[in-house]
Amino acid sequence: MNIEQFMKGYKAAWENKDESMFCALFADDAEYHNTPFAVQRGHDQLAEYWRRVKLQEDVQVDFEVLASTPTSGIAHWHVTYQVASEELFQIWAKSTGTNLVARKPGDPLPRMVLDGILQARFEDGLCKECHIWWHSMPAP
């Protein structure tokens, strides 16, 4: 596996909201650092983390490979999705470290924009370690 193949699989797993597709990209003991301060290890933790994408609708993922070697790579990714539940909105709002977006009861849930960088290391045809740095905001 190289970064281009990995990102194609990452895109498919996110757009299809499929934790099995996501886990299939990783070695059994892989680490996924979804922020600089949080890590999921192994398929059980990866699948549990990825299930939150089921609360997203109309997901669109784009990426550009920035650097590639036979055993690693870096990509820039950009995602938009419609928040499909108040639960997901609250998860996002708490993770940003900022106040909630001004919403009145009954207001529609926002469409979100995420932009980030992904760095991955590969062994034996699978991702062994992945780090992402990202930020999100409601679409204007």
C-alpha atoms as a PDB file:
ATOM      1  CA  MET A   1       0.000   0.000   0.000  1.00  0.00           C
ATOM      2  CA  ASN A   2       1.125   3.553  -0.709  1.00  0.00           C
ATOM      3  CA  ILE A   3      -0.374   6.907   0.259  1.00  0.00           C
ATOM      4  CA  GLU A   4      -2.467   7.193  -2.936  1.00  0.00           C
ATOM      5  CA  GLN A   5      -4.051   3.765  -2.350  1.00  0.00           C
ATOM      6  CA  PHE A   6      -4.544   4.517   1.323  1.00  0.00           C
ATOM      7  CA  MET A   7      -6.270   7.841   0.629  1.00  0.00           C
ATOM      8  CA  LYS A   8      -8.572   6.242  -1.956  1.00  0.00           C
ATOM      9  CA  GLY A   9      -9.573   3.702   0.700  1.00  0.00           C
ATOM     10  CA  TYR A  10      -9.903   6.416   3.364  1.00  0.00           C
ATOM     11  CA  LYS A  11     -12.169   8.421   1.043  1.00  0.00           C
ATOM     12  CA  ALA A  12     -14.308   5.349   0.263  1.00  0.00           C
ATOM     13  CA  ALA A  13     -14.584   4.384   3.942  1.00  0.00           C
ATOM     14  CA  TRP A  14     -15.672   7.902   4.914  1.00  0.00           C
ATOM     15  CA  GLU A  15     -18.091   8.472   2.043  1.00  0.00           C
ATOM     16  CA  ASN A  16     -19.642   5.013   2.594  1.00  0.00           C
ATOM     17  CA  LYS A  17     -19.628   5.463   6.398  1.00  0.00           C
ATOM     18  CA  ASP A  18     -18.103   1.999   6.743  1.00  0.00           C
ATOM     19  CA  GLU A  19     -15.905   1.144   9.726  1.00  0.00           C
ATOM     20  CA  SER A  20     -14.975  -2.261   8.218  1.00  0.00           C
ATOM     21  CA  MET A  21     -13.539  -0.549   5.131  1.00  0.00           C
ATOM     22  CA  PHE A  22     -11.682   1.847   7.413  1.00  0.00           C
ATOM     23  CA  CYS A  23     -10.199  -0.934   9.564  1.00  0.00           C
ATOM     24  CA  ALA A  24      -9.149  -2.915   6.464  1.00  0.00           C
ATOM     25  CA  LEU A  25      -6.641  -0.149   5.695  1.00  0.00           C
ATOM     26  CA  PHE A  26      -4.767  -0.775   8.960  1.00  0.00           C
ATOM     27  CA  ALA A  27      -2.583  -3.458  10.511  1.00  0.00           C
ATOM     28  CA  ASP A  28      -4.171  -5.245  13.489  1.00  0.00           C
ATOM     29  CA  ASP A  29      -2.007  -3.263  15.943  1.00  0.00           C
ATOM     30  CA  ALA A  30      -2.023   0.037  14.041  1.00  0.00           C
ATOM     31  CA  GLU A  31      -2.259   3.441  15.684  1.00  0.00           C
ATOM     32  CA  TYR A  32      -4.576   6.188  14.426  1.00  0.00           C
ATOM     33  CA  HIS A  33      -3.892   9.589  15.976  1.00  0.00           C
ATOM     34  CA  ASN A  34      -7.089  11.525  15.232  1.00  0.00           C
ATOM     35  CA  THR A  35      -5.607  14.551  17.034  1.00  0.00           C
ATOM     36  CA  PRO A  36      -2.086  15.167  18.317  1.00  0.00           C
ATOM     37  CA  PHE A  37      -3.329  14.151  21.778  1.00  0.00           C
ATOM     38  CA  ALA A  38      -5.630  11.185  21.105  1.00  0.00           C
ATOM     39  CA  VAL A  39      -4.885   7.763  19.688  1.00  0.00           C
ATOM     40  CA  GLN A  40      -6.901   4.686  18.759  1.00  0.00           C
ATOM     41  CA  ARG A  41      -4.997   1.388  18.759  1.00  0.00           C
ATOM     42  CA  GLY A  42      -6.120  -1.778  17.018  1.00  0.00           C
ATOM     43  CA  HIS A  43      -9.207  -2.535  14.982  1.00  0.00           C
ATOM     44  CA  ASP A  44     -11.690  -2.440  17.882  1.00  0.00           C
ATOM     45  CA  GLN A  45     -10.772   1.130  18.847  1.00  0.00           C
ATOM     46  CA  LEU A  46     -10.511   2.192  15.196  1.00  0.00           C
ATOM     47  CA  ALA A  47     -14.003   0.860  14.445  1.00  0.00           C
ATOM     48  CA  GLU A  48     -15.481   2.473  17.557  1.00  0.00           C
ATOM     49  CA  TYR A  49     -13.999   5.855  16.600  1.00  0.00           C
ATOM     50  CA  TRP A  50     -15.073   5.583  12.935  1.00  0.00           C
ATOM     51  CA  ARG A  51     -18.719   4.773  13.774  1.00  0.00           C
ATOM     52  CA  ARG A  52     -19.300   8.496  14.433  1.00  0.00           C
ATOM     53  CA  VAL A  53     -19.255   9.087  10.664  1.00  0.00           C
ATOM     54  CA  LYS A  54     -22.624   7.296  10.550  1.00  0.00           C
ATOM     55  CA  LEU A  55     -24.031  10.559  11.986  1.00  0.00           C
ATOM     56  CA  GLN A  56     -22.929  12.403   8.829  1.00  0.00           C
ATOM     57  CA  GLU A  57     -24.896  12.715   5.576  1.00  0.00           C
ATOM     58  CA  ASP A  58     -23.888  13.741   2.054  1.00  0.00           C
ATOM     59  CA  VAL A  59     -20.170  13.228   2.793  1.00  0.00           C
ATOM     60  CA  GLN A  60     -17.730  14.465   0.151  1.00  0.00           C
ATOM     61  CA  VAL A  61     -14.004  13.758   0.562  1.00  0.00           C
ATOM     62  CA  ASP A  62     -11.244  15.156  -1.660  1.00  0.00           C
ATOM     63  CA  PHE A  63      -7.511  14.731  -1.241  1.00  0.00           C
ATOM     64  CA  GLU A  64      -4.169  15.566  -2.778  1.00  0.00           C
ATOM     65  CA  VAL A  65      -1.006  13.559  -2.150  1.00  0.00           C
ATOM     66  CA  LEU A  66       1.760  15.934  -1.103  1.00  0.00           C
ATOM     67  CA  ALA A  67       4.605  13.449  -0.591  1.00  0.00           C
ATOM     68  CA  SER A  68       5.064   9.739  -1.148  1.00  0.00           C
ATOM     69  CA  THR A  69       7.769   7.168  -0.429  1.00  0.00           C
ATOM     70  CA  PRO A  70       7.466   3.370  -0.600  1.00  0.00           C
ATOM     71  CA  THR A  71       6.749   3.227   3.155  1.00  0.00           C
ATOM     72  CA  SER A  72       5.059   6.549   3.980  1.00  0.00           C
ATOM     73  CA  GLY A  73       3.231   9.548   2.679  1.00  0.00           C
ATOM     74  CA  ILE A  74       1.518  12.846   3.394  1.00  0.00           C
ATOM     75  CA  ALA A  75      -1.797  14.038   1.981  1.00  0.00           C
ATOM     76  CA  HIS A  76      -3.968  17.114   2.279  1.00  0.00           C
ATOM     77  CA  TRP A  77      -7.675  16.263   2.661  1.00  0.00           C
ATOM     78  CA  HIS A  78     -10.877  18.286   2.582  1.00  0.00           C
ATOM     79  CA  VAL A  79     -14.306  17.032   3.682  1.00  0.00           C
ATOM     80  CA  THR A  80     -17.799  18.438   3.735  1.00  0.00           C
ATOM     81  CA  TYR A  81     -20.834  16.780   5.271  1.00  0.00           C
ATOM     82  CA  GLN A  82     -24.270  17.537   6.602  1.00  0.00           C
ATOM     83  CA  VAL A  83     -24.606  17.065  10.349  1.00  0.00           C
ATOM     84  CA  ALA A  84     -27.399  14.499  10.667  1.00  0.00           C
ATOM     85  CA  SER A  85     -28.001  14.579  14.415  1.00  0.00           C
ATOM     86  CA  GLU A  86     -27.874  16.858  17.409  1.00  0.00           C
ATOM     87  CA  GLU A  87     -25.547  14.263  19.002  1.00  0.00           C
ATOM     88  CA  LEU A  88     -22.925  14.750  16.264  1.00  0.00           C
ATOM     89  CA  PHE A  89     -23.262  18.517  16.482  1.00  0.00           C
ATOM     90  CA  GLN A  90     -22.606  18.377  20.237  1.00  0.00           C
ATOM     91  CA  ILE A  91     -19.547  16.107  19.673  1.00  0.00           C
ATOM     92  CA  TRP A  92     -18.164  18.636  17.184  1.00  0.00           C
ATOM     93  CA  ALA A  93     -18.951  21.641  19.386  1.00  0.00           C
ATOM     94  CA  LYS A  94     -17.190  20.098  22.394  1.00  0.00           C
ATOM     95  CA  SER A  95     -14.145  19.063  20.347  1.00  0.00           C
ATOM     96  CA  THR A  96     -13.505  22.545  18.952  1.00  0.00           C
ATOM     97  CA  GLY A  97     -12.838  24.156  22.295  1.00  0.00           C
ATOM     98  CA  THR A  98     -15.016  27.084  21.297  1.00  0.00           C
ATOM     99  CA  ASN A  99     -18.549  28.124  22.076  1.00  0.00           C
ATOM    100  CA  LEU A 100     -21.418  26.511  20.240  1.00  0.00           C
ATOM    101  CA  VAL A 101     -22.323  28.035  16.938  1.00  0.00           C
ATOM    102  CA  ALA A 102     -25.224  30.392  17.575  1.00  0.00           C
ATOM    103  CA  ARG A 103     -28.331  28.287  16.953  1.00  0.00           C
ATOM    104  CA  LYS A 104     -31.862  28.736  18.141  1.00  0.00           C
ATOM    105  CA  PRO A 105     -34.041  25.746  19.034  1.00  0.00           C
ATOM    106  CA  GLY A 106     -35.410  24.320  15.805  1.00  0.00           C
ATOM    107  CA  ASP A 107     -32.663  25.825  13.604  1.00  0.00           C
ATOM    108  CA  PRO A 108     -31.354  23.371  11.001  1.00  0.00           C
ATOM    109  CA  LEU A 109     -28.142  21.520  11.747  1.00  0.00           C
ATOM    110  CA  PRO A 110     -25.132  22.894   9.873  1.00  0.00           C
ATOM    111  CA  ARG A 111     -23.134  21.569   6.964  1.00  0.00           C
ATOM    112  CA  MET A 112     -19.548  21.162   8.162  1.00  0.00           C
ATOM    113  CA  VAL A 113     -16.239  21.775   6.409  1.00  0.00           C
ATOM    114  CA  LEU A 114     -13.094  19.969   7.576  1.00  0.00           C
ATOM    115  CA  ASP A 115      -9.589  20.516   6.268  1.00  0.00           C
ATOM    116  CA  GLY A 116      -6.541  18.576   7.304  1.00  0.00           C
ATOM    117  CA  ILE A 117      -3.217  16.892   6.743  1.00  0.00           C
ATOM    118  CA  LEU A 118      -2.660  13.147   7.073  1.00  0.00           C
ATOM    119  CA  GLN A 119       0.692  11.433   7.544  1.00  0.00           C
ATOM    120  CA  ALA A 120       0.821   7.635   7.239  1.00  0.00           C
ATOM    121  CA  ARG A 121       3.461   4.934   7.606  1.00  0.00           C
ATOM    122  CA  PHE A 122       3.030   1.539   5.934  1.00  0.00           C
ATOM    123  CA  GLU A 123       4.314  -1.962   6.693  1.00  0.00           C
ATOM    124  CA  ASP A 124       3.458  -5.217   4.940  1.00  0.00           C
ATOM    125  CA  GLY A 125       0.841  -3.587   2.716  1.00  0.00           C
ATOM    126  CA  LEU A 126      -1.153  -1.902   5.505  1.00  0.00           C
ATOM    127  CA  CYS A 127      -1.051   1.328   7.466  1.00  0.00           C
ATOM    128  CA  LYS A 128       0.885   0.877  10.690  1.00  0.00           C
ATOM    129  CA  GLU A 129       0.639   4.449  11.980  1.00  0.00           C
ATOM    130  CA  CYS A 130      -1.482   7.415  10.922  1.00  0.00           C
ATOM    131  CA  HIS A 131      -1.548  10.976  12.244  1.00  0.00           C
ATOM    132  CA  ILE A 132      -4.058  13.626  11.234  1.00  0.00           C
ATOM    133  CA  TRP A 133      -4.126  17.323  12.000  1.00  0.00           C
ATOM    134  CA  TRP A 134      -7.366  19.074  11.127  1.00  0.00           C
ATOM    135  CA  HIS A 135      -9.805  21.833  11.865  1.00  0.00           C
ATOM    136  CA  SER A 136     -13.521  22.191  11.219  1.00  0.00           C
ATOM    137  CA  MET A 137     -16.153  24.879  10.979  1.00  0.00           C
ATOM    138  CA  PRO A 138     -19.744  25.226   9.827  1.00  0.00           C
ATOM    139  CA  ALA A 139     -19.978  25.951   6.106  1.00  0.00           C
ATOM    140  CA  PRO A 140     -20.721  29.599   5.398  1.00  0.00           C
END
